[in-house]
Amino acid sequence: MTLLEFIERWGSLIMTAILLPGIAAILRSTFASKVDLDTEKNRITTLENKVDSLPSAKEFYNLSERLVDVAGDVKAINVGLTHITKGVDLLTEAERRRKE
């Protein structure tokens, strides 16, 4: 059997044995596998769920308005407490003087 006859008889089998694994290796390195895609899909789904549970811009704005209202209420309470504290101090001083 000459080299030409050998190539004619076994050439297609040899080329298939060399080319198919090479093509498969190139495809594996170029494209993502199903497992990789499923992993990324799960990560994206988790991130979307976290983003969906975050407050919206409107909710942040409403919260900001409420905090401004609370700050005003606290200032008003502070003024009232200052007056009450002064009154209690005067009563305490008067009671102390009365006992002396």
PDB file of N, CA and C in Angstrom:
ATOM      1  N   MET A   1       0.854  -1.173   0.000  1.00  0.00           N
ATOM      2  CA  MET A   1       0.000   0.000   0.000  1.00  0.00           C
ATOM      3  C   MET A   1       0.901   1.237   0.000  1.00  0.00           C
ATOM      4  N   THR A   2       0.686   2.068  -0.941  1.00  0.00           N
ATOM      5  CA  THR A   2       1.487   3.281  -1.059  1.00  0.00           C
ATOM      6  C   THR A   2       0.877   4.370  -0.176  1.00  0.00           C
ATOM      7  N   LEU A   3       1.612   5.455  -0.054  1.00  0.00           N
ATOM      8  CA  LEU A   3       1.169   6.587   0.775  1.00  0.00           C
ATOM      9  C   LEU A   3      -0.119   7.169   0.224  1.00  0.00           C
ATOM     10  N   LEU A   4      -0.222   7.242  -1.080  1.00  0.00           N
ATOM     11  CA  LEU A   4      -1.419   7.787  -1.699  1.00  0.00           C
ATOM     12  C   LEU A   4      -2.634   6.910  -1.427  1.00  0.00           C
ATOM     13  N   GLU A   5      -2.458   5.621  -1.493  1.00  0.00           N
ATOM     14  CA  GLU A   5      -3.555   4.707  -1.208  1.00  0.00           C
ATOM     15  C   GLU A   5      -3.959   4.799   0.270  1.00  0.00           C
ATOM     16  N   PHE A   6      -2.950   4.910   1.134  1.00  0.00           N
ATOM     17  CA  PHE A   6      -3.220   5.047   2.565  1.00  0.00           C
ATOM     18  C   PHE A   6      -4.038   6.313   2.849  1.00  0.00           C
ATOM     19  N   ILE A   7      -3.645   7.418   2.223  1.00  0.00           N
ATOM     20  CA  ILE A   7      -4.354   8.688   2.426  1.00  0.00           C
ATOM     21  C   ILE A   7      -5.769   8.590   1.859  1.00  0.00           C
ATOM     22  N   GLU A   8      -5.911   7.953   0.710  1.00  0.00           N
ATOM     23  CA  GLU A   8      -7.252   7.805   0.135  1.00  0.00           C
ATOM     24  C   GLU A   8      -8.145   6.952   1.029  1.00  0.00           C
ATOM     25  N   ARG A   9      -7.580   5.918   1.605  1.00  0.00           N
ATOM     26  CA  ARG A   9      -8.390   4.992   2.408  1.00  0.00           C
ATOM     27  C   ARG A   9      -8.672   5.535   3.804  1.00  0.00           C
ATOM     28  N   TRP A  10      -7.664   6.097   4.475  1.00  0.00           N
ATOM     29  CA  TRP A  10      -7.802   6.504   5.877  1.00  0.00           C
ATOM     30  C   TRP A  10      -7.759   8.028   6.089  1.00  0.00           C
ATOM     31  N   GLY A  11      -7.558   8.755   5.052  1.00  0.00           N
ATOM     32  CA  GLY A  11      -7.424  10.213   5.169  1.00  0.00           C
ATOM     33  C   GLY A  11      -8.637  10.891   5.780  1.00  0.00           C
ATOM     34  N   SER A  12      -9.813  10.515   5.348  1.00  0.00           N
ATOM     35  CA  SER A  12     -11.014  11.167   5.885  1.00  0.00           C
ATOM     36  C   SER A  12     -11.196  10.850   7.364  1.00  0.00           C
ATOM     37  N   LEU A  13     -10.867   9.625   7.758  1.00  0.00           N
ATOM     38  CA  LEU A  13     -10.974   9.252   9.170  1.00  0.00           C
ATOM     39  C   LEU A  13      -9.955  10.008  10.017  1.00  0.00           C
ATOM     40  N   ILE A  14      -8.740  10.104   9.514  1.00  0.00           N
ATOM     41  CA  ILE A  14      -7.687  10.828  10.246  1.00  0.00           C
ATOM     42  C   ILE A  14      -8.041  12.305  10.348  1.00  0.00           C
ATOM     43  N   MET A  15      -8.507  12.910   9.257  1.00  0.00           N
ATOM     44  CA  MET A  15      -8.876  14.326   9.284  1.00  0.00           C
ATOM     45  C   MET A  15     -10.037  14.573  10.241  1.00  0.00           C
ATOM     46  N   THR A  16     -10.992  13.648  10.247  1.00  0.00           N
ATOM     47  CA  THR A  16     -12.124  13.774  11.163  1.00  0.00           C
ATOM     48  C   THR A  16     -11.645  13.681  12.605  1.00  0.00           C
ATOM     49  N   ALA A  17     -10.738  12.771  12.876  1.00  0.00           N
ATOM     50  CA  ALA A  17     -10.223  12.595  14.237  1.00  0.00           C
ATOM     51  C   ALA A  17      -9.424  13.815  14.691  1.00  0.00           C
ATOM     52  N   ILE A  18      -8.839  14.545  13.771  1.00  0.00           N
ATOM     53  CA  ILE A  18      -8.056  15.733  14.129  1.00  0.00           C
ATOM     54  C   ILE A  18      -8.930  16.982  14.111  1.00  0.00           C
ATOM     55  N   LEU A  19      -9.754  17.124  13.100  1.00  0.00           N
ATOM     56  CA  LEU A  19     -10.529  18.352  12.936  1.00  0.00           C
ATOM     57  C   LEU A  19     -11.671  18.486  13.939  1.00  0.00           C
ATOM     58  N   LEU A  20     -12.425  17.436  14.177  1.00  0.00           N
ATOM     59  CA  LEU A  20     -13.581  17.549  15.080  1.00  0.00           C
ATOM     60  C   LEU A  20     -13.194  17.953  16.504  1.00  0.00           C
ATOM     61  N   PRO A  21     -12.183  17.321  17.127  1.00  0.00           N
ATOM     62  CA  PRO A  21     -11.792  17.798  18.460  1.00  0.00           C
ATOM     63  C   PRO A  21     -11.260  19.230  18.433  1.00  0.00           C
ATOM     64  N   GLY A  22     -10.574  19.605  17.364  1.00  0.00           N
ATOM     65  CA  GLY A  22     -10.073  20.974  17.255  1.00  0.00           C
ATOM     66  C   GLY A  22     -11.205  21.976  17.162  1.00  0.00           C
ATOM     67  N   ILE A  23     -12.188  21.653  16.325  1.00  0.00           N
ATOM     68  CA  ILE A  23     -13.351  22.537  16.194  1.00  0.00           C
ATOM     69  C   ILE A  23     -14.116  22.604  17.515  1.00  0.00           C
ATOM     70  N   ALA A  24     -14.274  21.463  18.179  1.00  0.00           N
ATOM     71  CA  ALA A  24     -14.975  21.442  19.471  1.00  0.00           C
ATOM     72  C   ALA A  24     -14.239  22.296  20.504  1.00  0.00           C
ATOM     73  N   ALA A  25     -12.908  22.221  20.524  1.00  0.00           N
ATOM     74  CA  ALA A  25     -12.119  23.027  21.467  1.00  0.00           C
ATOM     75  C   ALA A  25     -12.285  24.517  21.178  1.00  0.00           C
ATOM     76  N   ILE A  26     -12.287  24.877  19.912  1.00  0.00           N
ATOM     77  CA  ILE A  26     -12.468  26.285  19.538  1.00  0.00           C
ATOM     78  C   ILE A  26     -13.855  26.770  19.955  1.00  0.00           C
ATOM     79  N   LEU A  27     -14.873  25.965  19.724  1.00  0.00           N
ATOM     80  CA  LEU A  27     -16.230  26.358  20.108  1.00  0.00           C
ATOM     81  C   LEU A  27     -16.368  26.489  21.617  1.00  0.00           C
ATOM     82  N   ARG A  28     -15.753  25.554  22.372  1.00  0.00           N
ATOM     83  CA  ARG A  28     -15.825  25.627  23.835  1.00  0.00           C
ATOM     84  C   ARG A  28     -15.145  26.885  24.364  1.00  0.00           C
ATOM     85  N   SER A  29     -14.047  27.281  23.742  1.00  0.00           N
ATOM     86  CA  SER A  29     -13.339  28.469  24.223  1.00  0.00           C
ATOM     87  C   SER A  29     -14.026  29.760  23.780  1.00  0.00           C
ATOM     88  N   THR A  30     -14.812  29.695  22.705  1.00  0.00           N
ATOM     89  CA  THR A  30     -15.459  30.893  22.182  1.00  0.00           C
ATOM     90  C   THR A  30     -16.816  31.153  22.827  1.00  0.00           C
ATOM     91  N   PHE A  31     -17.603  30.119  23.031  1.00  0.00           N
ATOM     92  CA  PHE A  31     -18.970  30.281  23.512  1.00  0.00           C
ATOM     93  C   PHE A  31     -19.119  29.734  24.932  1.00  0.00           C
ATOM     94  N   ALA A  32     -20.067  30.299  25.678  1.00  0.00           N
ATOM     95  CA  ALA A  32     -20.324  29.868  27.052  1.00  0.00           C
ATOM     96  C   ALA A  32     -21.122  28.566  27.053  1.00  0.00           C
ATOM     97  N   SER A  33     -20.880  27.780  28.088  1.00  0.00           N
ATOM     98  CA  SER A  33     -21.626  26.526  28.205  1.00  0.00           C
ATOM     99  C   SER A  33     -22.977  26.790  28.864  1.00  0.00           C
ATOM    100  N   LYS A  34     -23.843  25.813  28.815  1.00  0.00           N
ATOM    101  CA  LYS A  34     -25.170  25.944  29.418  1.00  0.00           C
ATOM    102  C   LYS A  34     -25.058  26.146  30.926  1.00  0.00           C
ATOM    103  N   VAL A  35     -24.112  25.479  31.563  1.00  0.00           N
ATOM    104  CA  VAL A  35     -23.925  25.638  33.013  1.00  0.00           C
ATOM    105  C   VAL A  35     -23.524  27.078  33.336  1.00  0.00           C
ATOM    106  N   ASP A  36     -22.601  27.622  32.533  1.00  0.00           N
ATOM    107  CA  ASP A  36     -22.191  29.015  32.757  1.00  0.00           C
ATOM    108  C   ASP A  36     -23.363  29.968  32.556  1.00  0.00           C
ATOM    109  N   LEU A  37     -24.160  29.725  31.535  1.00  0.00           N
ATOM    110  CA  LEU A  37     -25.321  30.585  31.275  1.00  0.00           C
ATOM    111  C   LEU A  37     -26.345  30.489  32.397  1.00  0.00           C
ATOM    112  N   ASP A  38     -26.566  29.275  32.917  1.00  0.00           N
ATOM    113  CA  ASP A  38     -27.510  29.112  34.026  1.00  0.00           C
ATOM    114  C   ASP A  38     -27.013  29.829  35.275  1.00  0.00           C
ATOM    115  N   THR A  39     -25.703  29.756  35.534  1.00  0.00           N
ATOM    116  CA  THR A  39     -25.128  30.452  36.690  1.00  0.00           C
ATOM    117  C   THR A  39     -25.327  31.958  36.558  1.00  0.00           C
ATOM    118  N   GLU A  40     -25.041  32.488  35.386  1.00  0.00           N
ATOM    119  CA  GLU A  40     -25.214  33.927  35.166  1.00  0.00           C
ATOM    120  C   GLU A  40     -26.684  34.327  35.237  1.00  0.00           C
ATOM    121  N   LYS A  41     -27.562  33.464  34.736  1.00  0.00           N
ATOM    122  CA  LYS A  41     -29.000  33.753  34.805  1.00  0.00           C
ATOM    123  C   LYS A  41     -29.456  33.838  36.254  1.00  0.00           C
ATOM    124  N   ASN A  42     -28.957  32.935  37.091  1.00  0.00           N
ATOM    125  CA  ASN A  42     -29.305  32.970  38.522  1.00  0.00           C
ATOM    126  C   ASN A  42     -28.773  34.238  39.179  1.00  0.00           C
ATOM    127  N   ARG A  43     -27.547  34.639  38.840  1.00  0.00           N
ATOM    128  CA  ARG A  43     -26.978  35.868  39.407  1.00  0.00           C
ATOM    129  C   ARG A  43     -27.806  37.079  38.998  1.00  0.00           C
ATOM    130  N   ILE A  44     -28.193  37.139  37.737  1.00  0.00           N
ATOM    131  CA  ILE A  44     -28.977  38.276  37.243  1.00  0.00           C
ATOM    132  C   ILE A  44     -30.347  38.305  37.908  1.00  0.00           C
ATOM    133  N   THR A  45     -30.965  37.132  38.071  1.00  0.00           N
ATOM    134  CA  THR A  45     -32.273  37.067  38.732  1.00  0.00           C
ATOM    135  C   THR A  45     -32.166  37.548  40.176  1.00  0.00           C
ATOM    136  N   THR A  46     -31.119  37.132  40.869  1.00  0.00           N
ATOM    137  CA  THR A  46     -30.913  37.574  42.251  1.00  0.00           C
ATOM    138  C   THR A  46     -30.743  39.092  42.311  1.00  0.00           C
ATOM    139  N   LEU A  47     -29.939  39.653  41.414  1.00  0.00           N
ATOM    140  CA  LEU A  47     -29.745  41.104  41.382  1.00  0.00           C
ATOM    141  C   LEU A  47     -31.034  41.842  41.055  1.00  0.00           C
ATOM    142  N   GLU A  48     -31.806  41.312  40.121  1.00  0.00           N
ATOM    143  CA  GLU A  48     -33.079  41.958  39.784  1.00  0.00           C
ATOM    144  C   GLU A  48     -34.022  41.958  40.976  1.00  0.00           C
ATOM    145  N   ASN A  49     -34.061  40.867  41.720  1.00  0.00           N
ATOM    146  CA  ASN A  49     -34.923  40.802  42.905  1.00  0.00           C
ATOM    147  C   ASN A  49     -34.476  41.807  43.958  1.00  0.00           C
ATOM    148  N   LYS A  50     -33.171  41.945  44.133  1.00  0.00           N
ATOM    149  CA  LYS A  50     -32.667  42.918  45.110  1.00  0.00           C
ATOM    150  C   LYS A  50     -32.999  44.342  44.678  1.00  0.00           C
ATOM    151  N   VAL A  51     -32.845  44.631  43.389  1.00  0.00           N
ATOM    152  CA  VAL A  51     -33.151  45.978  42.883  1.00  0.00           C
ATOM    153  C   VAL A  51     -34.645  46.262  43.001  1.00  0.00           C
ATOM    154  N   ASP A  52     -35.474  45.254  42.724  1.00  0.00           N
ATOM    155  CA  ASP A  52     -36.923  45.444  42.828  1.00  0.00           C
ATOM    156  C   ASP A  52     -37.353  45.728  44.259  1.00  0.00           C
ATOM    157  N   SER A  53     -36.611  45.199  45.248  1.00  0.00           N
ATOM    158  CA  SER A  53     -37.001  45.414  46.638  1.00  0.00           C
ATOM    159  C   SER A  53     -36.484  46.738  47.195  1.00  0.00           C
ATOM    160  N   LEU A  54     -35.631  47.433  46.456  1.00  0.00           N
ATOM    161  CA  LEU A  54     -35.136  48.736  46.904  1.00  0.00           C
ATOM    162  C   LEU A  54     -36.237  49.788  46.778  1.00  0.00           C
ATOM    163  N   PRO A  55     -36.196  50.802  47.644  1.00  0.00           N
ATOM    164  CA  PRO A  55     -37.200  51.866  47.535  1.00  0.00           C
ATOM    165  C   PRO A  55     -37.019  52.663  46.237  1.00  0.00           C
ATOM    166  N   SER A  56     -38.120  53.160  45.739  1.00  0.00           N
ATOM    167  CA  SER A  56     -38.067  53.952  44.509  1.00  0.00           C
ATOM    168  C   SER A  56     -37.663  55.392  44.833  1.00  0.00           C
ATOM    169  N   ALA A  57     -37.427  56.165  43.794  1.00  0.00           N
ATOM    170  CA  ALA A  57     -37.063  57.570  43.977  1.00  0.00           C
ATOM    171  C   ALA A  57     -38.195  58.331  44.662  1.00  0.00           C
ATOM    172  N   LYS A  58     -39.433  57.993  44.321  1.00  0.00           N
ATOM    173  CA  LYS A  58     -40.596  58.661  44.935  1.00  0.00           C
ATOM    174  C   LYS A  58     -40.654  58.343  46.423  1.00  0.00           C
ATOM    175  N   GLU A  59     -40.371  57.087  46.785  1.00  0.00           N
ATOM    176  CA  GLU A  59     -40.382  56.711  48.208  1.00  0.00           C
ATOM    177  C   GLU A  59     -39.281  57.432  48.974  1.00  0.00           C
ATOM    178  N   PHE A  60     -38.093  57.586  48.349  1.00  0.00           N
ATOM    179  CA  PHE A  60     -37.021  58.348  48.992  1.00  0.00           C
ATOM    180  C   PHE A  60     -37.426  59.810  49.175  1.00  0.00           C
ATOM    181  N   TYR A  61     -38.087  60.374  48.181  1.00  0.00           N
ATOM    182  CA  TYR A  61     -38.535  61.756  48.277  1.00  0.00           C
ATOM    183  C   TYR A  61     -39.550  61.909  49.415  1.00  0.00           C
ATOM    184  N   ASN A  62     -40.498  60.973  49.493  1.00  0.00           N
ATOM    185  CA  ASN A  62     -41.489  61.015  50.580  1.00  0.00           C
ATOM    186  C   ASN A  62     -40.822  60.882  51.938  1.00  0.00           C
ATOM    187  N   LEU A  63     -39.825  60.008  52.022  1.00  0.00           N
ATOM    188  CA  LEU A  63     -39.093  59.844  53.274  1.00  0.00           C
ATOM    189  C   LEU A  63     -38.367  61.130  53.646  1.00  0.00           C
ATOM    190  N   SER A  64     -37.786  61.785  52.654  1.00  0.00           N
ATOM    191  CA  SER A  64     -37.098  63.049  52.895  1.00  0.00           C
ATOM    192  C   SER A  64     -38.065  64.102  53.429  1.00  0.00           C
ATOM    193  N   GLU A  65     -39.243  64.174  52.840  1.00  0.00           N
ATOM    194  CA  GLU A  65     -40.243  65.127  53.330  1.00  0.00           C
ATOM    195  C   GLU A  65     -40.654  64.814  54.760  1.00  0.00           C
ATOM    196  N   ARG A  66     -40.825  63.551  55.067  1.00  0.00           N
ATOM    197  CA  ARG A  66     -41.203  63.164  56.432  1.00  0.00           C
ATOM    198  C   ARG A  66     -40.109  63.513  57.428  1.00  0.00           C
ATOM    199  N   LEU A  67     -38.857  63.321  57.018  1.00  0.00           N
ATOM    200  CA  LEU A  67     -37.750  63.661  57.920  1.00  0.00           C
ATOM    201  C   LEU A  67     -37.702  65.158  58.197  1.00  0.00           C
ATOM    202  N   VAL A  68     -38.016  65.963  57.193  1.00  0.00           N
ATOM    203  CA  VAL A  68     -38.073  67.412  57.404  1.00  0.00           C
ATOM    204  C   VAL A  68     -39.184  67.733  58.405  1.00  0.00           C
ATOM    205  N   ASP A  69     -40.345  67.080  58.273  1.00  0.00           N
ATOM    206  CA  ASP A  69     -41.445  67.288  59.216  1.00  0.00           C
ATOM    207  C   ASP A  69     -41.042  66.865  60.622  1.00  0.00           C
ATOM    208  N   VAL A  70     -40.361  65.729  60.729  1.00  0.00           N
ATOM    209  CA  VAL A  70     -39.927  65.238  62.048  1.00  0.00           C
ATOM    210  C   VAL A  70     -38.927  66.205  62.661  1.00  0.00           C
ATOM    211  N   ALA A  71     -38.006  66.734  61.845  1.00  0.00           N
ATOM    212  CA  ALA A  71     -37.029  67.690  62.364  1.00  0.00           C
ATOM    213  C   ALA A  71     -37.732  68.931  62.921  1.00  0.00           C
ATOM    214  N   GLY A  72     -38.768  69.404  62.211  1.00  0.00           N
ATOM    215  CA  GLY A  72     -39.527  70.555  62.708  1.00  0.00           C
ATOM    216  C   GLY A  72     -40.257  70.233  63.996  1.00  0.00           C
ATOM    217  N   ASP A  73     -40.827  69.029  64.082  1.00  0.00           N
ATOM    218  CA  ASP A  73     -41.523  68.612  65.307  1.00  0.00           C
ATOM    219  C   ASP A  73     -40.557  68.530  66.481  1.00  0.00           C
ATOM    220  N   VAL A  74     -39.358  68.005  66.235  1.00  0.00           N
ATOM    221  CA  VAL A  74     -38.360  67.888  67.305  1.00  0.00           C
ATOM    222  C   VAL A  74     -37.956  69.278  67.796  1.00  0.00           C
ATOM    223  N   LYS A  75     -37.797  70.228  66.881  1.00  0.00           N
ATOM    224  CA  LYS A  75     -37.448  71.598  67.293  1.00  0.00           C
ATOM    225  C   LYS A  75     -38.568  72.202  68.142  1.00  0.00           C
ATOM    226  N   ALA A  76     -39.812  71.959  67.732  1.00  0.00           N
ATOM    227  CA  ALA A  76     -40.938  72.492  68.500  1.00  0.00           C
ATOM    228  C   ALA A  76     -40.992  71.843  69.884  1.00  0.00           C
ATOM    229  N   ILE A  77     -40.754  70.547  69.961  1.00  0.00           N
ATOM    230  CA  ILE A  77     -40.746  69.853  71.256  1.00  0.00           C
ATOM    231  C   ILE A  77     -39.608  70.378  72.112  1.00  0.00           C
ATOM    232  N   ASN A  78     -38.469  70.661  71.507  1.00  0.00           N
ATOM    233  CA  ASN A  78     -37.323  71.169  72.253  1.00  0.00           C
ATOM    234  C   ASN A  78     -37.647  72.517  72.886  1.00  0.00           C
ATOM    235  N   VAL A  79     -38.335  73.380  72.131  1.00  0.00           N
ATOM    236  CA  VAL A  79     -38.733  74.680  72.684  1.00  0.00           C
ATOM    237  C   VAL A  79     -39.681  74.475  73.871  1.00  0.00           C
ATOM    238  N   GLY A  80     -40.653  73.580  73.703  1.00  0.00           N
ATOM    239  CA  GLY A  80     -41.589  73.299  74.795  1.00  0.00           C
ATOM    240  C   GLY A  80     -40.881  72.719  76.006  1.00  0.00           C
ATOM    241  N   LEU A  81     -39.941  71.831  75.785  1.00  0.00           N
ATOM    242  CA  LEU A  81     -39.201  71.239  76.909  1.00  0.00           C
ATOM    243  C   LEU A  81     -38.345  72.278  77.619  1.00  0.00           C
ATOM    244  N   THR A  82     -37.819  73.221  76.863  1.00  0.00           N
ATOM    245  CA  THR A  82     -37.031  74.291  77.485  1.00  0.00           C
ATOM    246  C   THR A  82     -37.909  75.096  78.439  1.00  0.00           C
ATOM    247  N   HIS A  83     -39.129  75.415  78.025  1.00  0.00           N
ATOM    248  CA  HIS A  83     -40.048  76.153  78.891  1.00  0.00           C
ATOM    249  C   HIS A  83     -40.416  75.324  80.117  1.00  0.00           C
ATOM    250  N   ILE A  84     -40.676  74.053  79.919  1.00  0.00           N
ATOM    251  CA  ILE A  84     -41.035  73.176  81.044  1.00  0.00           C
ATOM    252  C   ILE A  84     -39.862  73.058  82.002  1.00  0.00           C
ATOM    253  N   THR A  85     -38.651  72.933  81.458  1.00  0.00           N
ATOM    254  CA  THR A  85     -37.465  72.817  82.305  1.00  0.00           C
ATOM    255  C   THR A  85     -37.283  74.080  83.142  1.00  0.00           C
ATOM    256  N   LYS A  86     -37.486  75.221  82.534  1.00  0.00           N
ATOM    257  CA  LYS A  86     -37.368  76.476  83.290  1.00  0.00           C
ATOM    258  C   LYS A  86     -38.411  76.533  84.402  1.00  0.00           C
ATOM    259  N   GLY A  87     -39.645  76.115  84.080  1.00  0.00           N
ATOM    260  CA  GLY A  87     -40.700  76.106  85.100  1.00  0.00           C
ATOM    261  C   GLY A  87     -40.373  75.148  86.235  1.00  0.00           C
ATOM    262  N   VAL A  88     -39.888  73.973  85.917  1.00  0.00           N
ATOM    263  CA  VAL A  88     -39.524  72.993  86.958  1.00  0.00           C
ATOM    264  C   VAL A  88     -38.383  73.535  87.804  1.00  0.00           C
ATOM    265  N   ASP A  89     -37.416  74.175  87.161  1.00  0.00           N
ATOM    266  CA  ASP A  89     -36.300  74.760  87.911  1.00  0.00           C
ATOM    267  C   ASP A  89     -36.802  75.836  88.886  1.00  0.00           C
ATOM    268  N   LEU A  90     -37.738  76.680  88.422  1.00  0.00           N
ATOM    269  CA  LEU A  90     -38.285  77.713  89.305  1.00  0.00           C
ATOM    270  C   LEU A  90     -39.056  77.100  90.472  1.00  0.00           C
ATOM    271  N   LEU A  91     -39.849  76.067  90.179  1.00  0.00           N
ATOM    272  CA  LEU A  91     -40.596  75.403  91.254  1.00  0.00           C
ATOM    273  C   LEU A  91     -39.655  74.729  92.252  1.00  0.00           C
ATOM    274  N   THR A  92     -38.613  74.098  91.737  1.00  0.00           N
ATOM    275  CA  THR A  92     -37.638  73.439  92.617  1.00  0.00           C
ATOM    276  C   THR A  92     -36.943  74.470  93.498  1.00  0.00           C
ATOM    277  N   GLU A  93     -36.566  75.580  92.895  1.00  0.00           N
ATOM    278  CA  GLU A  93     -35.896  76.645  93.656  1.00  0.00           C
ATOM    279  C   GLU A  93     -36.844  77.213  94.714  1.00  0.00           C
ATOM    280  N   ALA A  94     -38.107  77.420  94.347  1.00  0.00           N
ATOM    281  CA  ALA A  94     -39.072  77.954  95.309  1.00  0.00           C
ATOM    282  C   ALA A  94     -39.280  76.958  96.455  1.00  0.00           C
ATOM    283  N   GLU A  95     -39.370  75.690  96.149  1.00  0.00           N
ATOM    284  CA  GLU A  95     -39.560  74.663  97.192  1.00  0.00           C
ATOM    285  C   GLU A  95     -38.335  74.597  98.089  1.00  0.00           C
ATOM    286  N   ARG A  96     -37.167  74.723  97.525  1.00  0.00           N
ATOM    287  CA  ARG A  96     -35.932  74.694  98.324  1.00  0.00           C
ATOM    288  C   ARG A  96     -35.876  75.900  99.252  1.00  0.00           C
ATOM    289  N   ARG A  97     -36.257  77.074  98.755  1.00  0.00           N
ATOM    290  CA  ARG A  97     -36.260  78.271  99.590  1.00  0.00           C
ATOM    291  C   ARG A  97     -37.300  78.168 100.696  1.00  0.00           C
ATOM    292  N   ARG A  98     -38.444  77.564 100.377  1.00  0.00           N
ATOM    293  CA  ARG A  98     -39.498  77.438 101.358  1.00  0.00           C
ATOM    294  C   ARG A  98     -39.054  76.532 102.525  1.00  0.00           C
ATOM    295  N   LYS A  99     -38.281  75.510 102.218  1.00  0.00           N
ATOM    296  CA  LYS A  99     -37.811  74.617 103.239  1.00  0.00           C
ATOM    297  C   LYS A  99     -36.712  75.216 104.100  1.00  0.00           C
ATOM    298  N   GLU A 100     -36.020  76.204 103.579  1.00  0.00           N
ATOM    299  CA  GLU A 100     -34.917  76.825 104.337  1.00  0.00           C
ATOM    300  C   GLU A 100     -35.448  77.723 105.343  1.00  0.00           C
TER     301      GLU A 100
END
